[in-house]
Amino acid sequence: MAIYEALSKTPSAMPDDVLMRLANNAKAAGDLEKAAEAFGRVYYDFPTSELAPVAGAEYNLLPTAQRLGPRTDPAHVALQDVE
């Protein structure tokens, strides 16, 4: 998990993938707070990623996590208008 934490703080070509790996490793290790943070970052920081819906679903399954609200950032709203 430490490797993914370090990678999540450095520039990467696939930061959403690194964060999902961190989240899944944290969840498996029982660190639900860290898992929630990483899943939430994928969901909100990378809304166009293929992993964003999966991250949102995983986040909402965590027993200690506050439920995610809808994304209201201008980029996400614009993407919804296009669809």
Protein backbone atom coordinates (compact mmCIF):
# COMPACT_ATOMS: atom_id res chain seq x y z
CA MET A 1 0.00 0.00 0.00
CA ALA A 2 2.90 2.36 0.72
CA ILE A 3 4.00 2.13 -2.91
CA TYR A 4 0.57 3.24 -4.16
CA GLU A 5 0.48 6.06 -1.62
CA ALA A 6 3.82 7.33 -2.89
CA LEU A 7 2.73 6.96 -6.51
CA SER A 8 -0.53 8.81 -5.84
CA LYS A 9 1.46 11.88 -4.83
CA THR A 10 3.62 12.01 -7.95
CA PRO A 11 2.64 12.94 -11.51
CA SER A 12 1.47 9.91 -13.44
CA ALA A 13 0.03 9.04 -16.83
CA MET A 14 -2.78 7.12 -15.08
CA PRO A 15 -3.45 8.74 -11.72
CA ASP A 16 -6.98 7.36 -11.55
CA ASP A 17 -5.64 3.80 -11.86
CA VAL A 18 -3.04 4.41 -9.14
CA LEU A 19 -5.72 5.80 -6.82
CA MET A 20 -8.03 2.84 -7.48
CA ARG A 21 -5.20 0.44 -6.65
CA LEU A 22 -4.49 2.41 -3.47
CA ALA A 23 -8.20 2.35 -2.56
CA ASN A 24 -8.57 -1.38 -3.17
CA ASN A 25 -5.40 -2.16 -1.20
CA ALA A 26 -6.51 0.06 1.68
CA LYS A 27 -9.94 -1.58 1.70
CA ALA A 28 -8.37 -5.06 1.73
CA ALA A 29 -6.09 -4.00 4.60
CA GLY A 30 -9.07 -2.70 6.58
CA ASP A 31 -8.10 0.99 6.30
CA LEU A 32 -11.55 2.17 5.28
CA GLU A 33 -10.76 5.85 5.83
CA LYS A 34 -7.89 5.74 3.35
CA ALA A 35 -10.00 3.66 0.95
CA ALA A 36 -12.82 6.21 1.12
CA GLU A 37 -10.43 9.07 0.46
CA ALA A 38 -8.91 7.37 -2.59
CA PHE A 39 -12.27 6.21 -4.04
CA GLY A 40 -13.64 9.72 -3.52
CA ARG A 41 -10.67 11.28 -5.31
CA VAL A 42 -11.20 9.04 -8.34
CA TYR A 43 -14.92 9.82 -8.36
CA TYR A 44 -14.59 13.60 -8.03
CA ASP A 45 -11.15 14.39 -9.47
CA PHE A 46 -11.44 12.18 -12.56
CA PRO A 47 -15.14 12.29 -13.54
CA THR A 48 -14.46 11.27 -17.15
CA SER A 49 -12.45 8.20 -16.16
CA GLU A 50 -13.90 4.77 -16.81
CA LEU A 51 -13.08 4.08 -13.17
CA ALA A 52 -15.18 6.94 -11.74
CA PRO A 53 -18.50 5.01 -11.62
CA VAL A 54 -16.76 2.00 -10.07
CA ALA A 55 -15.04 4.23 -7.51
CA GLY A 56 -18.37 5.85 -6.63
CA ALA A 57 -20.04 2.49 -6.17
CA GLU A 58 -17.16 1.14 -4.06
CA TYR A 59 -17.18 4.30 -1.95
CA ASN A 60 -20.89 4.01 -1.27
CA LEU A 61 -20.43 0.39 -0.15
CA LEU A 62 -18.01 1.39 2.61
CA PRO A 63 -19.87 1.20 5.94
CA THR A 64 -18.20 4.27 7.43
CA ALA A 65 -18.38 6.55 4.38
CA GLN A 66 -20.77 9.43 3.97
CA ARG A 67 -22.80 8.94 0.80
CA LEU A 68 -21.52 10.66 -2.32
CA GLY A 69 -23.60 13.45 -3.75
CA PRO A 70 -24.01 14.22 -7.41
CA ARG A 71 -21.12 15.92 -9.15
CA THR A 72 -21.95 19.57 -9.73
CA ASP A 73 -18.69 20.80 -11.20
CA PRO A 74 -19.10 22.62 -14.55
CA ALA A 75 -17.17 19.98 -16.52
CA HIS A 76 -19.42 17.16 -15.34
CA VAL A 77 -22.59 19.16 -15.98
CA ALA A 78 -21.34 19.96 -19.49
CA LEU A 79 -20.64 16.28 -20.14
CA GLN A 80 -24.17 15.38 -19.05
CA ASP A 81 -25.54 17.92 -21.51
CA VAL A 82 -23.56 16.28 -24.33
CA GLU A 83 -24.85 12.81 -23.50
